[in-house]
Amino acid sequence: MPHARRPARQPRTAAAHGYDPVGDPAVLRACVHGLGPWLAGEYARVHGVKAPRPQAQGWISPCSSR
């Protein structure tokens, strides 16, 4: 499966803001929405997709909707 290449500028910018946070919601949004999906795809490409964890009986995830 071919993967999309990401220009080096975006990861460098994200790393720079990680070391020197700016507190700008637009910067966080750009990192999460722009870099996040690419990074998840790269992780899956290199390491494979992990199987979901089994739910413990009677346990409700705080992220699930009822």
N, C-alpha and C. Protein backbone atom coordinates (compact mmCIF):
# COMPACT_ATOMS: atom_id res chain seq x y z
N MET A 1 0.85 -1.18 0.00
CA MET A 1 0.00 0.00 0.00
C MET A 1 0.89 1.24 0.00
N PRO A 2 0.77 2.10 -1.00
CA PRO A 2 1.58 3.32 -1.02
C PRO A 2 1.11 4.29 0.07
N HIS A 3 2.03 5.04 0.58
CA HIS A 3 1.66 6.00 1.61
C HIS A 3 1.97 7.40 1.11
N ALA A 4 1.18 8.34 1.61
CA ALA A 4 1.36 9.73 1.22
C ALA A 4 2.56 10.32 1.94
N ARG A 5 3.36 11.04 1.22
CA ARG A 5 4.51 11.70 1.84
C ARG A 5 4.06 13.01 2.45
N ARG A 6 4.60 13.32 3.58
CA ARG A 6 4.26 14.56 4.28
C ARG A 6 5.46 15.47 4.17
N PRO A 7 5.26 16.71 3.75
CA PRO A 7 6.40 17.63 3.72
C PRO A 7 7.02 17.74 5.11
N ALA A 8 8.31 17.83 5.16
CA ALA A 8 9.02 17.87 6.45
C ALA A 8 8.68 19.12 7.26
N ARG A 9 8.18 20.14 6.61
CA ARG A 9 7.89 21.39 7.31
C ARG A 9 6.86 21.20 8.43
N GLN A 10 5.79 20.44 8.18
CA GLN A 10 4.73 20.30 9.17
C GLN A 10 5.20 19.57 10.43
N PRO A 11 5.90 18.43 10.33
CA PRO A 11 6.40 17.81 11.57
C PRO A 11 7.42 18.69 12.30
N ARG A 12 8.24 19.39 11.56
CA ARG A 12 9.21 20.30 12.21
C ARG A 12 8.50 21.42 12.96
N THR A 13 7.46 21.96 12.34
CA THR A 13 6.69 23.03 13.00
C THR A 13 6.03 22.49 14.27
N ALA A 14 5.45 21.29 14.19
CA ALA A 14 4.82 20.68 15.36
C ALA A 14 5.84 20.45 16.47
N ALA A 15 7.02 19.97 16.11
CA ALA A 15 8.07 19.74 17.10
C ALA A 15 8.52 21.04 17.74
N ALA A 16 8.66 22.07 16.93
CA ALA A 16 9.08 23.38 17.46
C ALA A 16 8.05 23.91 18.46
N HIS A 17 6.77 23.76 18.13
CA HIS A 17 5.72 24.23 19.05
C HIS A 17 5.63 23.35 20.28
N GLY A 18 6.06 22.09 20.17
CA GLY A 18 6.10 21.23 21.35
C GLY A 18 7.16 21.68 22.35
N TYR A 19 8.26 22.18 21.83
CA TYR A 19 9.32 22.67 22.71
C TYR A 19 9.06 24.08 23.21
N ASP A 20 8.35 24.86 22.40
CA ASP A 20 8.05 26.25 22.76
C ASP A 20 6.59 26.53 22.45
N PRO A 21 5.66 26.07 23.33
CA PRO A 21 4.23 26.21 23.05
C PRO A 21 3.81 27.67 22.86
N VAL A 22 2.87 27.87 21.93
CA VAL A 22 2.41 29.22 21.65
C VAL A 22 1.02 29.50 22.20
N GLY A 23 0.25 28.47 22.55
CA GLY A 23 -1.08 28.67 23.11
C GLY A 23 -2.10 29.12 22.09
N ASP A 24 -1.83 28.94 20.83
CA ASP A 24 -2.74 29.35 19.76
C ASP A 24 -3.59 28.15 19.35
N PRO A 25 -4.92 28.23 19.51
CA PRO A 25 -5.78 27.10 19.13
C PRO A 25 -5.63 26.70 17.66
N ALA A 26 -5.32 27.63 16.79
CA ALA A 26 -5.16 27.30 15.38
C ALA A 26 -3.94 26.41 15.15
N VAL A 27 -2.89 26.61 15.92
CA VAL A 27 -1.70 25.77 15.80
C VAL A 27 -2.01 24.35 16.27
N LEU A 28 -2.70 24.22 17.39
CA LEU A 28 -3.08 22.91 17.88
C LEU A 28 -3.99 22.21 16.88
N ARG A 29 -4.96 22.92 16.34
CA ARG A 29 -5.88 22.36 15.36
C ARG A 29 -5.13 21.88 14.12
N ALA A 30 -4.16 22.66 13.66
CA ALA A 30 -3.38 22.28 12.48
C ALA A 30 -2.58 21.01 12.76
N CYS A 31 -2.02 20.90 13.95
CA CYS A 31 -1.25 19.70 14.29
C CYS A 31 -2.16 18.48 14.41
N VAL A 32 -3.28 18.62 15.08
CA VAL A 32 -4.17 17.48 15.31
C VAL A 32 -4.86 17.04 14.02
N HIS A 33 -5.40 18.00 13.29
CA HIS A 33 -6.17 17.64 12.09
C HIS A 33 -5.29 17.44 10.86
N GLY A 34 -4.15 18.09 10.80
CA GLY A 34 -3.29 17.97 9.65
C GLY A 34 -2.27 16.86 9.79
N LEU A 35 -1.60 16.82 10.92
CA LEU A 35 -0.53 15.87 11.14
C LEU A 35 -1.03 14.56 11.75
N GLY A 36 -2.06 14.62 12.56
CA GLY A 36 -2.57 13.44 13.26
C GLY A 36 -2.94 12.28 12.35
N PRO A 37 -3.80 12.49 11.34
CA PRO A 37 -4.17 11.38 10.46
C PRO A 37 -2.97 10.79 9.70
N TRP A 38 -2.06 11.63 9.28
CA TRP A 38 -0.87 11.14 8.60
C TRP A 38 -0.03 10.29 9.54
N LEU A 39 0.15 10.78 10.77
CA LEU A 39 0.96 10.06 11.75
C LEU A 39 0.32 8.71 12.09
N ALA A 40 -0.99 8.67 12.24
CA ALA A 40 -1.69 7.41 12.52
C ALA A 40 -1.51 6.44 11.36
N GLY A 41 -1.59 6.93 10.14
CA GLY A 41 -1.39 6.09 8.97
C GLY A 41 0.03 5.54 8.89
N GLU A 42 1.00 6.38 9.20
CA GLU A 42 2.40 5.94 9.20
C GLU A 42 2.63 4.87 10.27
N TYR A 43 2.05 5.07 11.44
CA TYR A 43 2.19 4.08 12.51
C TYR A 43 1.60 2.75 12.06
N ALA A 44 0.40 2.79 11.48
CA ALA A 44 -0.25 1.56 11.02
C ALA A 44 0.56 0.91 9.90
N ARG A 45 1.13 1.70 9.02
CA ARG A 45 1.93 1.17 7.92
C ARG A 45 3.17 0.44 8.45
N VAL A 46 3.81 1.02 9.44
CA VAL A 46 5.06 0.46 9.96
C VAL A 46 4.80 -0.68 10.94
N HIS A 47 3.84 -0.49 11.86
CA HIS A 47 3.64 -1.45 12.94
C HIS A 47 2.43 -2.35 12.75
N GLY A 48 1.56 -2.01 11.81
CA GLY A 48 0.33 -2.78 11.62
C GLY A 48 -0.79 -2.23 12.49
N VAL A 49 -1.99 -2.60 12.13
CA VAL A 49 -3.17 -2.15 12.88
C VAL A 49 -3.36 -3.09 14.06
N LYS A 50 -3.51 -2.53 15.22
CA LYS A 50 -3.68 -3.32 16.43
C LYS A 50 -5.13 -3.79 16.56
N ALA A 51 -5.30 -4.95 17.13
CA ALA A 51 -6.64 -5.46 17.41
C ALA A 51 -7.24 -4.67 18.56
N PRO A 52 -8.56 -4.44 18.52
CA PRO A 52 -9.17 -3.72 19.65
C PRO A 52 -9.05 -4.52 20.94
N ARG A 53 -8.92 -3.83 22.02
CA ARG A 53 -8.83 -4.50 23.32
C ARG A 53 -10.20 -5.04 23.69
N PRO A 54 -10.23 -6.22 24.28
CA PRO A 54 -11.53 -6.77 24.70
C PRO A 54 -12.09 -5.97 25.86
N GLN A 55 -13.38 -5.79 25.86
CA GLN A 55 -14.04 -5.07 26.95
C GLN A 55 -14.22 -6.02 28.13
N ALA A 56 -13.90 -5.55 29.32
CA ALA A 56 -14.16 -6.34 30.52
C ALA A 56 -15.66 -6.37 30.74
N GLN A 57 -16.18 -7.50 31.15
CA GLN A 57 -17.62 -7.63 31.33
C GLN A 57 -18.09 -6.69 32.44
N GLY A 58 -19.13 -5.94 32.14
CA GLY A 58 -19.69 -5.00 33.10
C GLY A 58 -19.00 -3.65 33.13
N TRP A 59 -17.92 -3.49 32.35
CA TRP A 59 -17.20 -2.22 32.34
C TRP A 59 -17.68 -1.38 31.17
N ILE A 60 -17.94 -0.12 31.42
CA ILE A 60 -18.40 0.80 30.38
C ILE A 60 -17.30 1.83 30.16
N SER A 61 -16.88 1.95 28.92
CA SER A 61 -15.85 2.92 28.59
C SER A 61 -16.38 4.33 28.82
N PRO A 62 -15.56 5.23 29.38
CA PRO A 62 -16.00 6.62 29.54
C PRO A 62 -16.18 7.31 28.20
N CYS A 63 -15.64 6.75 27.13
CA CYS A 63 -15.76 7.36 25.81
C CYS A 63 -16.98 6.87 25.05
N SER A 64 -17.62 5.80 25.53
CA SER A 64 -18.76 5.27 24.79
C SER A 64 -20.03 6.04 25.15
N SER A 65 -20.93 6.09 24.19
CA SER A 65 -22.21 6.75 24.45
C SER A 65 -23.22 5.69 24.85
N ARG A 66 -24.09 6.03 25.74
CA ARG A 66 -25.07 5.06 26.23
C ARG A 66 -26.35 5.19 25.49
